[in-house]
């Protein structure tokens, strides 16, 4: 039973008043270590001179990094025009504008698709996988790294005002609390800026199973302090990041997950 209604709202205000909330800026974290954990230190060679689609590129930090590591062409895709403008300026300043293109849509085949820290934000992740399949060449692959997932202690992102608080309070109470300092009118988690689709590991695996893809690699990276408790049964609550490599189903067998 979740805490909702007036009680839930007032408890959230008491625990984290809106005036003390600083919000979260657009992610600027590096793609390099996240991609290397999936494909290895030598795996960057598989990206060299390729056309790479950065699906959910945000402000373009990762797209620029990929370009600087030898990609032939990088297309940064995002539905938010405001972050794409930031990305274009950043690519220009980094001297990568000839390699990097940023757009709200794309309709050309690519060699590799990369999506870092974005999959838990897509409103319709099943449709995203279908789109990825349409855009990916038959011998290409998808690199996905995302987290935290929904049952992570901070899986609610800005709603996780303490570990797992997003699971304790009702969605209605949390969105009402958020409206004290955000004025976009969001009434559901998936309506907040950037989106939040409450993605669990189980749901992700089911999405892939039902998609045109299969897993060539899957890894649930444990939260370091909870590594001792991390196993197949507990991983929903003890996983920090999900890392995976997807290929089209015609190319081989899926590993055990």
Protein backbone atom coordinates (compact mmCIF):
# COMPACT_ATOMS: atom_id res chain seq x y z
CA UNK A 1 0.00 0.00 0.00
CA UNK A 2 1.57 3.28 -1.09
CA UNK A 3 1.31 6.56 0.78
CA UNK A 4 -0.86 8.88 -1.28
CA UNK A 5 -3.43 11.62 -1.07
CA UNK A 6 -2.99 14.63 1.16
CA UNK A 7 -0.83 12.69 3.63
CA UNK A 8 1.63 11.59 0.96
CA UNK A 9 1.87 15.08 -0.51
CA UNK A 10 2.46 16.76 2.87
CA UNK A 11 5.07 14.18 3.88
CA UNK A 12 6.97 14.78 0.64
CA UNK A 13 6.82 18.56 1.20
CA UNK A 14 8.13 18.08 4.71
CA UNK A 15 10.91 15.72 3.62
CA UNK A 16 11.96 17.77 0.58
CA UNK A 17 10.41 21.23 0.29
CA UNK A 18 10.28 22.52 -3.27
CA UNK A 19 12.36 25.58 -2.38
CA UNK A 20 15.25 23.25 -1.45
CA UNK A 21 15.01 21.22 -4.65
CA UNK A 22 17.84 22.00 -7.05
CA UNK A 23 16.68 19.83 -9.93
CA UNK A 24 18.84 17.81 -12.30
CA UNK A 25 20.64 19.20 -15.31
CA UNK A 26 21.14 17.41 -18.60
CA UNK A 27 23.57 14.50 -18.23
CA UNK A 28 27.17 15.23 -19.21
CA UNK A 29 28.71 11.88 -18.31
CA UNK A 30 31.24 10.24 -20.58
CA UNK A 31 30.22 7.46 -22.95
CA UNK A 32 33.74 6.04 -23.14
CA UNK A 33 33.85 3.82 -20.01
CA UNK A 34 30.24 2.71 -20.53
CA UNK A 35 30.82 1.58 -24.10
CA UNK A 36 34.18 -0.01 -23.23
CA UNK A 37 32.52 -2.15 -20.58
CA UNK A 38 30.31 -3.63 -23.30
CA UNK A 39 32.74 -4.04 -26.20
CA UNK A 40 36.11 -3.96 -24.43
CA UNK A 41 39.08 -1.63 -24.79
CA UNK A 42 39.73 -2.91 -28.29
CA UNK A 43 36.08 -2.67 -29.26
CA UNK A 44 36.41 0.94 -30.31
CA UNK A 45 38.00 -0.38 -33.49
CA UNK A 46 34.61 -1.84 -34.41
CA UNK A 47 33.26 1.73 -34.40
CA UNK A 48 36.05 3.26 -36.46
CA UNK A 49 34.95 4.80 -39.75
CA UNK A 50 31.37 3.58 -39.17
CA UNK A 51 28.13 5.56 -39.30
CA UNK A 52 26.84 5.57 -35.73
CA UNK A 53 23.44 6.66 -34.48
CA UNK A 54 23.37 8.04 -30.93
CA UNK A 55 19.74 7.35 -29.97
CA UNK A 56 18.69 9.83 -27.29
CA UNK A 57 21.82 11.94 -27.61
CA UNK A 58 20.83 14.76 -25.25
CA UNK A 59 23.30 17.63 -25.41
CA UNK A 60 25.69 15.63 -27.57
CA UNK A 61 28.55 14.91 -25.17
CA UNK A 62 28.64 11.24 -26.10
CA UNK A 63 28.18 11.86 -29.82
CA UNK A 64 31.20 14.15 -29.83
CA UNK A 65 33.26 11.59 -27.88
CA UNK A 66 32.42 8.89 -30.42
CA UNK A 67 33.42 11.20 -33.26
CA UNK A 68 36.71 11.97 -31.52
CA UNK A 69 37.40 8.22 -31.20
CA UNK A 70 37.38 7.72 -34.95
CA UNK A 71 33.81 7.23 -36.07
CA UNK A 72 33.26 8.09 -39.71
CA UNK A 73 29.96 9.82 -39.05
CA UNK A 74 27.79 10.31 -35.96
CA UNK A 75 24.10 11.16 -36.00
CA UNK A 76 22.74 12.39 -32.68
CA UNK A 77 19.00 11.80 -32.38
CA UNK A 78 16.72 13.44 -29.84
CA UNK A 79 13.14 14.75 -29.88
CA UNK A 80 14.00 17.86 -27.85
CA UNK A 81 14.97 20.77 -30.08
CA UNK A 82 16.48 22.73 -27.20
CA UNK A 83 19.10 20.06 -26.38
CA UNK A 84 19.93 19.58 -30.07
CA UNK A 85 20.83 23.26 -30.34
CA UNK A 86 23.20 22.86 -27.39
CA UNK A 87 24.67 19.75 -29.03
CA UNK A 88 25.31 21.56 -32.33
CA UNK A 89 27.12 24.38 -30.57
CA UNK A 90 29.18 21.92 -28.55
CA UNK A 91 30.20 20.01 -31.69
CA UNK A 92 31.25 23.26 -33.35
CA UNK A 93 33.34 24.25 -30.34
CA UNK A 94 34.95 20.79 -30.23
CA UNK A 95 35.81 20.85 -33.92
CA UNK A 96 33.53 17.86 -34.56
CA UNK A 97 30.75 19.52 -36.54
CA UNK A 98 31.87 17.95 -39.84
CA UNK A 99 31.44 14.48 -38.36
CA UNK A 100 28.47 15.05 -36.04
CA UNK A 101 24.95 15.74 -37.22
CA UNK A 102 22.06 16.30 -34.80
CA UNK A 103 18.43 15.80 -35.76
CA UNK A 104 14.92 15.08 -34.46
CA UNK A 105 14.49 12.23 -36.94
CA UNK A 106 16.60 10.14 -39.27
CA UNK A 107 15.77 7.87 -42.18
CA UNK A 108 19.00 6.24 -43.35
CA UNK A 109 20.70 2.94 -42.52
CA UNK A 110 23.49 3.02 -39.94
CA UNK A 111 26.21 0.57 -38.94
CA UNK A 112 25.89 0.86 -35.16
CA UNK A 113 23.32 2.29 -32.76
CA UNK A 114 24.41 3.51 -29.34
CA UNK A 115 22.03 4.49 -26.54
CA UNK A 116 23.52 5.52 -23.21
CA UNK A 117 21.49 6.57 -20.15
CA UNK A 118 18.36 7.03 -22.26
CA UNK A 119 16.37 3.79 -22.51
CA UNK A 120 14.66 4.26 -19.13
CA UNK A 121 13.32 7.59 -20.39
CA UNK A 122 11.69 6.59 -23.69
CA UNK A 123 7.90 6.84 -23.58
CA UNK A 124 7.49 3.73 -25.76
CA UNK A 125 10.66 1.60 -25.57
CA UNK A 126 9.07 -1.20 -27.62
CA UNK A 127 8.51 1.23 -30.49
CA UNK A 128 12.09 2.48 -30.09
CA UNK A 129 13.42 -1.04 -30.64
CA UNK A 130 11.32 -1.36 -33.79
CA UNK A 131 12.70 1.96 -35.03
CA UNK A 132 16.25 0.85 -34.21
CA UNK A 133 15.70 -2.32 -36.24
CA UNK A 134 14.49 -0.29 -39.21
CA UNK A 135 17.52 2.00 -39.11
CA UNK A 136 20.18 -0.63 -38.42
CA UNK A 137 21.96 -2.50 -41.20
CA UNK A 138 21.53 -6.29 -41.09
CA UNK A 139 25.08 -6.88 -39.86
CA UNK A 140 25.01 -4.01 -37.37
CA UNK A 141 24.57 -4.01 -33.60
CA UNK A 142 23.07 -1.93 -30.80
CA UNK A 143 24.95 -0.96 -27.64
CA UNK A 144 22.66 -0.13 -24.71
CA UNK A 145 23.79 1.13 -21.32
CA UNK A 146 21.19 2.57 -18.98
CA UNK A 147 20.25 2.95 -15.35
CA UNK A 148 19.14 3.25 -12.72
CA UNK A 149 16.23 0.93 -13.43
CA UNK A 150 12.96 1.34 -11.55
CA UNK A 151 13.71 -0.81 -8.49
CA UNK A 152 17.17 0.71 -7.93
CA UNK A 153 17.31 2.80 -4.72
CA UNK A 154 17.43 5.92 -6.93
CA UNK A 155 15.28 4.48 -9.72
CA UNK A 156 12.80 7.31 -9.45
CA UNK A 157 15.50 9.82 -10.41
CA UNK A 158 14.35 13.20 -9.04
CA UNK A 159 11.50 11.43 -7.20
CA UNK A 160 13.95 9.31 -5.17
CA UNK A 161 14.38 11.81 -2.36
CA UNK A 162 15.64 8.92 -0.23
CA UNK A 163 16.38 5.31 -1.29
CA UNK A 164 13.31 3.65 -2.82
CA UNK A 165 11.04 6.54 -1.82
CA UNK A 166 9.52 6.49 -5.32
CA UNK A 167 8.13 3.03 -4.49
CA UNK A 168 6.67 4.16 -1.17
CA UNK A 169 4.65 7.19 -2.27
CA UNK A 170 1.89 7.14 -4.88
CA UNK A 171 2.50 8.56 -8.33
CA UNK A 172 -0.23 11.15 -7.77
CA UNK A 173 1.32 12.40 -4.52
CA UNK A 174 4.80 12.60 -6.08
CA UNK A 175 3.60 14.51 -9.14
CA UNK A 176 1.64 16.90 -6.93
CA UNK A 177 4.81 17.49 -4.88
CA UNK A 178 6.78 18.06 -8.10
CA UNK A 179 4.23 20.67 -9.24
CA UNK A 180 5.37 22.86 -6.33
CA UNK A 181 8.60 23.61 -8.23
CA UNK A 182 7.88 22.52 -11.84
CA UNK A 183 5.25 24.21 -13.99
CA UNK A 184 4.95 21.87 -16.99
CA UNK A 185 1.66 20.35 -15.78
CA UNK A 186 2.93 16.73 -15.76
CA UNK A 187 0.53 14.35 -14.00
CA UNK A 188 2.30 11.05 -14.83
CA UNK A 189 5.91 9.92 -14.54
CA UNK A 190 6.17 9.55 -18.31
CA UNK A 191 5.13 13.19 -18.80
CA UNK A 192 8.01 14.77 -16.87
CA UNK A 193 10.82 16.45 -18.78
CA UNK A 194 12.97 13.72 -20.31
CA UNK A 195 10.37 11.07 -19.50
CA UNK A 196 10.46 8.22 -16.99
CA UNK A 197 9.00 4.88 -18.08
CA UNK A 198 9.46 2.90 -14.82
CA UNK A 199 11.63 0.34 -16.63
CA UNK A 200 12.57 -2.79 -14.68
CA UNK A 201 15.13 -5.42 -15.69
CA UNK A 202 12.36 -7.98 -16.18
CA UNK A 203 10.46 -5.64 -18.47
CA UNK A 204 13.59 -4.79 -20.45
CA UNK A 205 14.30 -8.47 -21.09
CA UNK A 206 10.70 -9.00 -22.17
CA UNK A 207 10.87 -5.99 -24.50
CA UNK A 208 13.96 -7.44 -26.19
CA UNK A 209 12.38 -10.90 -26.38
CA UNK A 210 9.35 -9.43 -28.18
CA UNK A 211 11.46 -7.20 -30.43
CA UNK A 212 13.32 -7.87 -33.71
CA UNK A 213 16.51 -8.16 -31.63
CA UNK A 214 18.22 -10.70 -29.44
CA UNK A 215 20.84 -10.30 -26.74
CA UNK A 216 24.40 -11.05 -27.72
CA UNK A 217 25.53 -9.71 -24.35
CA UNK A 218 23.63 -8.86 -21.16
CA UNK A 219 25.11 -7.68 -17.90
CA UNK A 220 23.41 -6.41 -14.75
CA UNK A 221 26.17 -4.43 -13.01
CA UNK A 222 25.73 -4.54 -9.22
CA UNK A 223 25.61 -1.53 -6.93
CA UNK A 224 29.03 -1.69 -5.29
CA UNK A 225 27.93 -1.70 -1.61
CA UNK A 226 25.28 -4.32 -2.46
CA UNK A 227 27.53 -6.56 -4.55
CA UNK A 228 27.49 -9.22 -1.82
CA UNK A 229 23.71 -9.52 -2.19
CA UNK A 230 23.57 -9.34 -5.98
CA UNK A 231 22.23 -12.42 -7.76
CA UNK A 232 19.56 -13.34 -10.29
CA UNK A 233 16.81 -13.22 -7.64
CA UNK A 234 17.84 -9.87 -6.13
CA UNK A 235 19.15 -8.01 -9.16
CA UNK A 236 16.05 -5.82 -9.61
CA UNK A 237 16.96 -4.10 -6.34
CA UNK A 238 20.76 -4.39 -6.43
CA UNK A 239 21.67 -3.49 -10.02
CA UNK A 240 23.34 -0.19 -10.80
CA UNK A 241 23.45 -0.29 -14.60
CA UNK A 242 22.18 -2.59 -17.33
CA UNK A 243 24.62 -3.15 -20.20
CA UNK A 244 23.75 -5.04 -23.36
CA UNK A 245 24.63 -5.63 -26.97
CA UNK A 246 21.77 -6.44 -29.33
CA UNK A 247 21.90 -8.02 -32.77
CA UNK A 248 19.14 -8.94 -35.18
CA UNK A 249 17.50 -12.27 -34.40
CA UNK A 250 18.67 -13.92 -37.60
CA UNK A 251 22.30 -13.77 -36.50
CA UNK A 252 22.59 -16.18 -33.57
CA UNK A 253 21.39 -17.47 -30.21
CA UNK A 254 20.73 -15.40 -27.11
CA UNK A 255 22.84 -15.93 -23.98
CA UNK A 256 21.43 -16.90 -20.63
CA UNK A 257 20.45 -13.89 -18.54
